[in-house]
Protein backbone atom coordinates (compact mmCIF):
# COMPACT_ATOMS: atom_id res chain seq x y z
CA MET A 1 146.08 -56.96 -36.35
CA LYS A 2 143.17 -54.67 -35.52
CA ILE A 3 139.71 -55.52 -36.85
CA LEU A 4 136.61 -53.37 -36.61
CA ALA A 5 133.31 -54.98 -37.62
CA TYR A 6 129.89 -53.58 -38.40
CA THR A 7 126.46 -54.85 -39.30
CA PHE A 8 122.91 -53.56 -39.51
CA TYR A 9 120.20 -53.48 -36.87
CA SER A 10 118.06 -55.76 -39.06
CA ALA A 11 120.70 -58.53 -39.12
CA PRO A 12 119.32 -61.62 -37.39
CA PHE A 13 122.75 -62.78 -36.19
CA LYS A 14 124.04 -59.75 -34.26
CA GLU A 15 124.68 -61.73 -31.06
CA GLN A 16 126.73 -64.38 -32.88
CA LEU A 17 128.76 -61.67 -34.65
CA GLN A 18 129.32 -59.96 -31.31
CA ASP A 19 130.70 -63.26 -29.97
CA LEU A 20 133.01 -63.67 -32.98
CA PHE A 21 134.33 -60.11 -33.20
CA GLY A 22 134.05 -59.00 -29.60
CA ASP A 23 133.40 -55.42 -30.60
CA LEU A 24 130.61 -54.91 -33.14
CA PHE A 25 129.23 -51.60 -34.42
CA VAL A 26 125.51 -51.87 -35.24
CA LEU A 27 124.04 -49.38 -37.69
CA LYS A 28 120.42 -48.62 -36.84
CA LYS A 29 119.66 -45.19 -38.26
CA LEU A 30 122.21 -44.82 -41.07
CA THR A 31 122.37 -41.03 -41.31
CA HIS A 32 122.91 -40.84 -37.54
CA ASP A 33 125.09 -43.92 -36.97
CA LEU A 34 127.36 -43.94 -40.03
CA PRO A 35 129.19 -40.73 -39.02
CA LYS A 36 129.89 -42.38 -35.66
CA LEU A 37 131.31 -45.44 -37.39
CA LEU A 38 133.43 -43.24 -39.67
CA SER A 39 134.78 -41.42 -36.61
CA GLN A 40 135.64 -44.74 -35.02
CA VAL A 41 137.51 -45.78 -38.18
CA LEU A 42 139.49 -42.54 -38.13
CA GLU A 43 140.26 -42.91 -34.44
CA GLN A 44 141.15 -46.62 -34.41
CA LYS A 45 142.65 -46.95 -37.91
CA PRO A 46 141.94 -50.68 -38.06
CA ASP A 47 143.83 -52.97 -40.43
CA TYR A 48 140.50 -54.42 -41.55
CA LEU A 49 136.96 -53.12 -41.43
CA ILE A 50 134.50 -55.96 -41.99
CA GLY A 51 130.88 -55.30 -42.86
CA VAL A 52 128.39 -58.16 -42.60
CA ALA A 53 124.78 -58.26 -43.75
CA LYS A 54 122.21 -60.98 -44.28
CA PHE A 55 121.79 -62.41 -47.75
CA GLY A 56 119.14 -64.90 -48.73
CA TYR A 57 120.60 -67.90 -50.43
CA ARG A 58 124.41 -67.81 -50.52
CA SER A 59 127.31 -66.02 -48.94
CA GLN A 60 129.37 -63.66 -51.08
CA TYR A 61 132.05 -61.00 -50.91
CA GLU A 62 131.24 -57.66 -52.46
CA SER A 63 134.08 -56.63 -54.77
CA VAL A 64 133.10 -53.01 -55.38
CA ALA A 65 131.07 -50.19 -53.90
CA ILE A 66 129.37 -48.13 -56.58
CA ASN A 67 128.15 -44.56 -56.64
CA GLN A 68 124.56 -45.64 -57.07
CA PHE A 69 121.70 -45.97 -54.61
CA HIS A 70 118.41 -47.67 -55.45
CA LYS A 71 118.94 -47.65 -59.22
CA ASN A 72 118.61 -43.91 -59.93
CA LYS A 73 120.30 -41.96 -57.11
CA LYS A 74 123.96 -41.22 -56.43
CA VAL A 75 125.65 -41.87 -53.11
CA SER A 76 127.96 -38.88 -53.76
CA LYS A 77 127.46 -36.05 -56.24
CA THR A 78 131.19 -35.69 -56.89
CA GLY A 79 132.67 -39.10 -56.02
CA PRO A 80 134.11 -41.68 -58.43
CA PHE A 81 131.89 -44.32 -60.00
CA LYS A 82 133.29 -47.12 -57.85
CA TYR A 83 135.76 -48.17 -55.19
CA LYS A 84 137.34 -51.61 -55.09
CA LEU A 85 136.91 -53.57 -51.88
CA PHE A 86 139.40 -56.01 -50.40
CA ILE A 87 138.79 -59.73 -50.94
CA PRO A 88 141.04 -62.07 -48.95
CA LYS A 89 142.88 -64.59 -51.08
CA SER A 90 141.99 -68.20 -50.40
CA LYS A 91 142.26 -71.24 -52.63
CA ASN A 92 139.24 -73.01 -51.20
CA SER A 93 136.91 -70.35 -49.85
CA VAL A 94 133.23 -71.20 -49.79
CA ILE A 95 132.44 -67.49 -49.98
CA LYS A 96 132.18 -66.49 -53.63
CA VAL A 97 132.59 -63.04 -55.14
CA ALA A 98 129.37 -61.24 -56.11
CA GLN A 99 128.83 -61.08 -59.86
CA ARG A 100 127.06 -57.71 -59.73
CA PRO A 101 127.36 -54.81 -57.31
CA SER A 102 124.62 -53.98 -54.88
CA ASP A 103 122.91 -50.58 -54.82
CA SER A 104 121.20 -50.98 -51.47
CA PHE A 105 121.97 -49.59 -48.01
CA CYS A 106 124.88 -52.04 -47.79
CA ASN A 107 126.45 -50.44 -50.86
CA TRP A 108 125.72 -46.97 -49.50
CA THR A 109 127.75 -47.72 -46.35
CA MET A 110 130.55 -49.42 -48.33
CA TYR A 111 130.84 -46.41 -50.62
CA LYS A 112 130.90 -43.85 -47.79
CA ILE A 113 133.50 -45.88 -45.88
CA SER A 114 135.63 -46.42 -48.99
CA HIS A 115 135.51 -42.70 -49.70
CA LEU A 116 136.75 -41.94 -46.17
CA ILE A 117 139.55 -44.52 -46.46
CA GLN A 118 140.75 -42.97 -49.73
CA GLU A 119 140.37 -39.34 -48.66
CA GLU A 120 142.23 -39.91 -45.38
CA LYS A 121 144.80 -42.20 -47.04
CA LEU A 122 144.18 -44.93 -44.48
CA LYS A 123 145.71 -48.38 -44.83
CA THR A 124 142.43 -49.94 -43.67
CA LYS A 125 141.10 -52.68 -45.96
CA LEU A 126 137.32 -52.82 -46.26
CA ILE A 127 135.78 -56.28 -46.58
CA PHE A 128 132.03 -56.69 -47.01
CA VAL A 129 130.30 -60.06 -46.79
CA HIS A 130 126.68 -60.77 -47.56
CA LEU A 131 126.06 -63.83 -45.44
CA ASN A 132 123.51 -66.60 -45.52
CA SER A 133 122.58 -66.91 -41.84
CA LYS A 134 123.06 -70.70 -42.04
CA GLN A 135 126.71 -70.11 -42.99
CA LEU A 136 127.74 -67.96 -40.02
CA THR A 137 130.77 -70.20 -39.44
CA LEU A 138 132.25 -68.67 -42.60
CA ILE A 139 133.06 -65.57 -40.55
CA LYS A 140 135.27 -67.74 -38.32
CA GLU A 141 137.02 -68.97 -41.46
CA LEU A 142 137.46 -65.39 -42.69
CA LEU A 143 139.04 -64.35 -39.39
CA GLN A 144 141.36 -67.36 -39.45
CA LEU A 145 142.35 -66.53 -43.04
CA LEU A 146 143.14 -62.90 -42.14
CA ARG A 147 145.22 -64.01 -39.16
CA LYS A 148 147.06 -66.56 -41.30
CA ASN A 149 147.76 -63.96 -44.02
CA GLU A 150 148.91 -61.49 -41.37
CA ASN A 151 151.27 -64.08 -39.84
CA THR A 152 152.66 -64.96 -43.28
CA LYS A 153 153.22 -61.26 -43.99
CA SER A 154 154.98 -60.65 -40.65
CA ASN A 155 157.20 -63.74 -41.12
CA LYS A 156 158.44 -62.30 -44.43
CA ASN A 157 159.57 -59.08 -42.71
């Protein structure tokens, strides 16, 4: 199972994420760095691409990326309204699913990545987690869940 992870330069927990993922792509200047990340996705074709950003009070999965940026702009002039993101199935996950989509820089990256995945017909699943920095251990749980699901899937084959 190949995992590629990314976060933002402003994330306060980059070092901890680096320790958890090993390889971590950090977006600093989005218009410059996102094309590099997209190239890496095309080259590596990971099973999972996990985006992580800081969120104030609780940790949550984003379920969709929408074609909206800062309320009144579009991410893509011709793209669909939304792309569904992958949410790992777990009976007792502490990470909840966001009730409303974001329209921030996080969403902008999710949308661009989702568009690439669809256009290139990749099997990569995009997961995006807004994380309360006090709940960083939830990333360990997410990785364990993905490994468990992957093992269950390979045992069925």
